[in-house]
Amino acid sequence: MTRSRATLASTSDPTAGSHPLDNVVWSALTGRQREFSEGDDRARRYLVDVAPFAGLRDVSPASLASLLPLALEGHRLAIFSVEPMPPVEGLKVLLTGTGHQMIASRVASPLQSRDVERLDDSAVPEMLALVERSQPGPFAARTNRLGNYLGIRASGQLVAMTGERMKIDGFTEISAVCTHPDHRGHGYAHDLVSLVAQAVLDRGEQPFLHVFSENFPAIALYERLGFTIRRTMHVTVVAAKS
């Protein structure tokens, strides 16, 4: 793709940053989680049944050209960047927003002792059903393969879960923090995030997470747990034009 075909909104590189967390999806998909990705040496995405996130090496015309094939067949792409993403010919923007990337060096203990279950592949249908009811963010049929997931049941029903998603050297993302609407207010999210994040710390890594900037209740919860805002990221969701 030449510059005449890829319109750049600014001369700054939205993927640029001195820390691997600044271009976290690219860092994950060219490192620890490459096996879960497809693409080339300029743009990669998680496999469709794993997650919708895509990463770019940079925003050169060649990298933007490599992004387009990853969005074919109706598959959406979600991109984190430190600056607003430029428009790309052939892709339409479905959503833009900002989110905080939060990180912790220690986490608060669970509020109480609970019966917690490690969720395996057999629980995926229940996990997908819980995500559908609680809408925590993207979760696909094989998202659980990215890391450990813990859940809490009430009368046999899975009512809360939290797990691990993006992984780069030294860091693991906490994700899929969700509780069934009928079972909120019991501290399930607090305790599951505490347990999953502590397991990350025990491995000698730092837990981090992403949360939309306007999700004030979630931000307050994560701050109580010990997470602090590392930086604000731009979130862009795109799809191929019809």
Protein backbone atom coordinates (compact mmCIF):
# COMPACT_ATOMS: atom_id res chain seq x y z
CA MET A 1 0.00 0.00 0.00
CA THR A 2 1.48 3.33 -1.02
CA ARG A 3 1.09 6.55 0.91
CA SER A 4 -1.54 7.68 -1.55
CA ARG A 5 -3.63 4.63 -0.61
CA ALA A 6 -3.03 4.73 3.16
CA THR A 7 -4.00 8.03 4.70
CA LEU A 8 -1.97 8.80 7.79
CA ALA A 9 -3.67 11.05 10.30
CA SER A 10 -0.40 12.25 11.78
CA THR A 11 3.32 11.76 11.48
CA SER A 12 3.51 10.16 14.90
CA ASP A 13 3.53 6.40 15.16
CA PRO A 14 0.59 5.16 17.27
CA THR A 15 2.37 1.89 17.93
CA ALA A 16 5.62 3.46 19.05
CA GLY A 17 6.78 3.29 22.65
CA SER A 18 9.84 2.50 24.68
CA HIS A 19 8.13 -0.25 26.68
CA PRO A 20 6.76 -3.54 25.28
CA LEU A 21 3.43 -2.82 27.00
CA ASP A 22 3.06 0.25 24.78
CA ASN A 23 2.55 -2.08 21.80
CA VAL A 24 1.25 -4.96 23.85
CA VAL A 25 -0.59 -6.99 21.20
CA TRP A 26 2.37 -6.92 18.82
CA SER A 27 4.69 -7.83 21.69
CA ALA A 28 2.49 -10.81 22.62
CA LEU A 29 1.95 -12.09 19.08
CA THR A 30 5.60 -11.90 18.11
CA GLY A 31 6.68 -13.46 21.40
CA ARG A 32 5.08 -15.77 23.95
CA GLN A 33 1.76 -16.12 22.12
CA ARG A 34 2.89 -16.37 18.53
CA GLU A 35 1.32 -19.85 18.27
CA PHE A 36 -2.12 -18.25 18.73
CA SER A 37 -1.64 -15.75 15.90
CA GLU A 38 -1.67 -15.29 12.16
CA GLY A 39 -0.20 -12.62 9.92
CA ASP A 40 3.27 -11.57 8.84
CA ASP A 41 6.27 -9.61 10.08
CA ARG A 42 4.35 -6.32 9.91
CA ALA A 43 0.86 -7.10 11.24
CA ARG A 44 -0.53 -9.99 13.25
CA ARG A 45 -3.81 -10.88 14.93
CA TYR A 46 -4.95 -13.52 17.37
CA LEU A 47 -6.65 -16.43 15.64
CA VAL A 48 -10.33 -15.69 15.13
CA ASP A 49 -11.50 -18.26 17.69
CA VAL A 50 -9.06 -16.89 20.28
CA ALA A 51 -9.44 -13.08 20.33
CA PRO A 52 -10.11 -10.13 17.99
CA PHE A 53 -6.98 -8.15 18.85
CA ALA A 54 -4.44 -7.17 16.20
CA GLY A 55 -1.03 -5.54 16.44
CA LEU A 56 1.20 -3.62 14.05
CA ARG A 57 4.97 -3.38 14.00
CA ASP A 58 4.56 0.27 12.97
CA VAL A 59 2.22 2.38 10.84
CA SER A 60 4.25 2.37 7.67
CA PRO A 61 2.24 1.89 4.45
CA ALA A 62 3.52 -1.69 4.25
CA SER A 63 2.32 -2.51 7.77
CA LEU A 64 -1.09 -0.98 7.17
CA ALA A 65 -1.37 -3.03 3.99
CA SER A 66 -0.66 -6.17 6.02
CA LEU A 67 -3.50 -5.30 8.40
CA LEU A 68 -6.24 -5.40 5.77
CA PRO A 69 -6.17 -9.16 4.98
CA LEU A 70 -6.55 -9.93 8.69
CA ALA A 71 -9.99 -8.27 8.68
CA LEU A 72 -11.47 -10.15 5.74
CA GLU A 73 -14.55 -12.40 5.91
CA GLY A 74 -16.30 -10.08 8.35
CA HIS A 75 -13.77 -10.46 11.16
CA ARG A 76 -13.39 -7.40 13.37
CA LEU A 77 -10.02 -6.22 14.61
CA ALA A 78 -9.43 -4.39 17.89
CA ILE A 79 -6.23 -2.38 18.14
CA PHE A 80 -4.55 -0.78 21.17
CA SER A 81 -2.27 2.18 20.42
CA VAL A 82 -0.59 5.01 22.29
CA GLU A 83 -1.86 7.57 19.73
CA PRO A 84 -5.05 7.57 17.64
CA MET A 85 -4.84 5.12 14.76
CA PRO A 86 -4.77 6.57 11.25
CA PRO A 87 -7.51 5.56 8.82
CA VAL A 88 -6.68 2.73 6.43
CA GLU A 89 -8.20 2.35 2.99
CA GLY A 90 -10.42 -0.72 2.89
CA LEU A 91 -11.20 -0.66 6.62
CA LYS A 92 -14.12 1.05 8.34
CA VAL A 93 -13.96 2.22 11.94
CA LEU A 94 -16.67 0.69 14.12
CA LEU A 95 -15.59 2.08 17.49
CA THR A 96 -13.01 4.40 18.97
CA GLY A 97 -12.35 5.11 22.61
CA THR A 98 -9.74 5.28 25.30
CA GLY A 99 -8.83 2.82 27.98
CA HIS A 100 -6.43 2.71 30.88
CA GLN A 101 -3.67 0.16 31.06
CA MET A 102 -3.24 -0.63 34.74
CA ILE A 103 -0.44 -2.56 36.43
CA ALA A 104 0.32 -3.90 39.90
CA SER A 105 3.44 -4.87 41.81
CA ARG A 106 1.39 -6.28 44.71
CA VAL A 107 -2.30 -7.03 45.17
CA ALA A 108 -4.75 -7.01 48.04
CA SER A 109 -5.76 -10.35 49.52
CA PRO A 110 -9.19 -11.88 48.86
CA LEU A 111 -12.00 -10.60 51.04
CA GLN A 112 -12.82 -14.10 52.23
CA SER A 113 -12.09 -17.76 51.61
CA ARG A 114 -14.21 -19.16 48.77
CA ASP A 115 -14.67 -22.34 46.80
CA VAL A 116 -12.91 -21.48 43.55
CA GLU A 117 -12.74 -23.76 40.53
CA ARG A 118 -10.02 -23.89 37.89
CA LEU A 119 -11.91 -23.78 34.61
CA ASP A 120 -10.83 -26.14 31.81
CA ASP A 121 -12.08 -26.79 28.29
CA SER A 122 -15.17 -28.58 29.60
CA ALA A 123 -16.37 -25.29 31.11
CA VAL A 124 -16.09 -23.27 27.88
CA PRO A 125 -19.84 -23.39 27.06
CA GLU A 126 -20.63 -22.05 30.54
CA MET A 127 -17.89 -19.43 30.22
CA LEU A 128 -19.31 -18.23 26.91
CA ALA A 129 -22.81 -18.09 28.41
CA LEU A 130 -21.54 -16.03 31.37
CA VAL A 131 -19.75 -13.64 29.02
CA GLU A 132 -22.95 -13.23 27.02
CA ARG A 133 -24.86 -12.23 30.17
CA SER A 134 -22.21 -10.00 31.74
CA GLN A 135 -20.46 -8.47 28.69
CA PRO A 136 -16.92 -8.03 30.10
CA GLY A 137 -15.35 -7.75 26.65
CA PRO A 138 -14.16 -10.10 23.91
CA PHE A 139 -14.14 -13.80 24.75
CA ALA A 140 -14.15 -16.53 22.10
CA ALA A 141 -14.26 -20.33 21.96
CA ARG A 142 -10.52 -20.72 22.61
CA THR A 143 -9.72 -17.61 24.64
CA ASN A 144 -9.31 -19.85 27.67
CA ARG A 145 -6.26 -21.45 26.03
CA LEU A 146 -4.30 -18.25 26.63
CA GLY A 147 -3.94 -18.81 30.37
CA ASN A 148 -5.45 -19.94 33.65
CA TYR A 149 -9.09 -19.18 34.43
CA LEU A 150 -10.79 -19.34 37.80
CA GLY A 151 -14.52 -19.40 38.47
CA ILE A 152 -17.05 -19.33 41.29
CA ARG A 153 -20.29 -21.33 41.24
CA ALA A 154 -23.58 -20.80 43.03
CA SER A 155 -25.96 -23.79 43.13
CA GLY A 156 -23.86 -25.39 40.42
CA GLN A 157 -24.06 -22.42 38.05
CA LEU A 158 -20.93 -20.56 36.97
CA VAL A 159 -21.59 -17.02 38.19
CA ALA A 160 -18.17 -15.34 38.12
CA MET A 161 -14.79 -15.79 36.48
CA THR A 162 -11.47 -14.13 35.77
CA GLY A 163 -8.43 -15.29 33.82
CA GLU A 164 -5.28 -14.52 31.87
CA ARG A 165 -5.11 -13.25 28.30
CA MET A 166 -2.17 -11.38 26.73
CA LYS A 167 1.29 -12.47 27.79
CA ILE A 168 4.66 -10.90 27.08
CA ASP A 169 8.01 -11.44 28.77
CA GLY A 170 7.58 -10.48 32.41
CA PHE A 171 3.90 -9.51 32.19
CA THR A 172 0.50 -11.25 32.06
CA GLU A 173 -2.84 -9.55 31.45
CA ILE A 174 -5.83 -10.13 33.73
CA SER A 175 -9.01 -10.37 31.68
CA ALA A 176 -12.61 -11.63 31.44
CA VAL A 177 -13.45 -10.16 34.85
CA CYS A 178 -17.17 -10.82 35.01
CA THR A 179 -20.02 -11.68 37.34
CA HIS A 180 -23.54 -12.74 36.42
CA PRO A 181 -25.91 -9.77 36.90
CA ASP A 182 -27.97 -11.73 39.43
CA HIS A 183 -24.94 -12.46 41.62
CA ARG A 184 -23.17 -9.13 41.93
CA GLY A 185 -22.35 -7.44 45.21
CA HIS A 186 -20.61 -10.41 46.83
CA GLY A 187 -17.01 -9.41 46.11
CA TYR A 188 -16.51 -12.19 43.56
CA ALA A 189 -14.65 -9.98 41.07
CA HIS A 190 -12.35 -8.62 43.80
CA ASP A 191 -11.40 -12.06 45.02
CA LEU A 192 -10.94 -13.67 41.61
CA VAL A 193 -8.74 -10.83 40.36
CA SER A 194 -6.77 -11.05 43.59
CA LEU A 195 -6.17 -14.78 43.15
CA VAL A 196 -5.29 -14.64 39.45
CA ALA A 197 -3.03 -11.61 39.87
CA GLN A 198 -1.23 -13.12 42.86
CA ALA A 199 -0.52 -16.26 40.85
CA VAL A 200 1.06 -14.05 38.17
CA LEU A 201 3.19 -12.31 40.80
CA ASP A 202 4.21 -15.67 42.26
CA ARG A 203 5.63 -16.59 38.84
CA GLY A 204 7.86 -13.53 38.97
CA GLU A 205 5.74 -11.54 36.51
CA GLN A 206 3.62 -8.40 36.85
CA PRO A 207 -0.14 -8.47 36.27
CA PHE A 208 -1.70 -5.78 34.12
CA LEU A 209 -5.15 -5.17 32.69
CA HIS A 210 -7.14 -2.90 30.42
CA VAL A 211 -10.32 -1.02 31.31
CA PHE A 212 -12.31 1.58 29.41
CA SER A 213 -11.63 5.08 30.76
CA GLU A 214 -15.30 5.69 31.58
CA ASN A 215 -15.75 2.45 33.55
CA PHE A 216 -15.29 4.16 36.90
CA PRO A 217 -16.61 1.32 39.11
CA ALA A 218 -14.14 -1.14 37.60
CA ILE A 219 -11.27 1.34 37.87
CA ALA A 220 -12.10 1.89 41.55
CA LEU A 221 -12.14 -1.87 42.14
CA TYR A 222 -8.76 -2.34 40.49
CA GLU A 223 -7.28 0.54 42.47
CA ARG A 224 -8.50 -1.04 45.71
CA LEU A 225 -6.75 -4.22 44.64
CA GLY A 226 -3.47 -2.36 44.13
CA PHE A 227 -3.45 -1.60 40.41
CA THR A 228 -2.37 1.84 39.21
CA ILE A 229 -2.82 3.47 35.82
CA ARG A 230 0.32 3.00 33.76
CA ARG A 231 -0.87 4.90 30.71
CA THR A 232 -3.97 5.67 28.67
CA MET A 233 -4.37 3.76 25.42
CA HIS A 234 -6.49 4.39 22.34
CA VAL A 235 -8.83 1.59 21.33
CA THR A 236 -9.91 1.25 17.70
CA VAL A 237 -12.20 -1.45 16.33
CA VAL A 238 -12.22 -1.86 12.55
CA ALA A 239 -13.67 -4.19 9.94
CA ALA A 240 -13.31 -4.59 6.20
CA LYS A 241 -15.55 -2.35 4.12
CA SER A 242 -18.31 -4.16 2.27
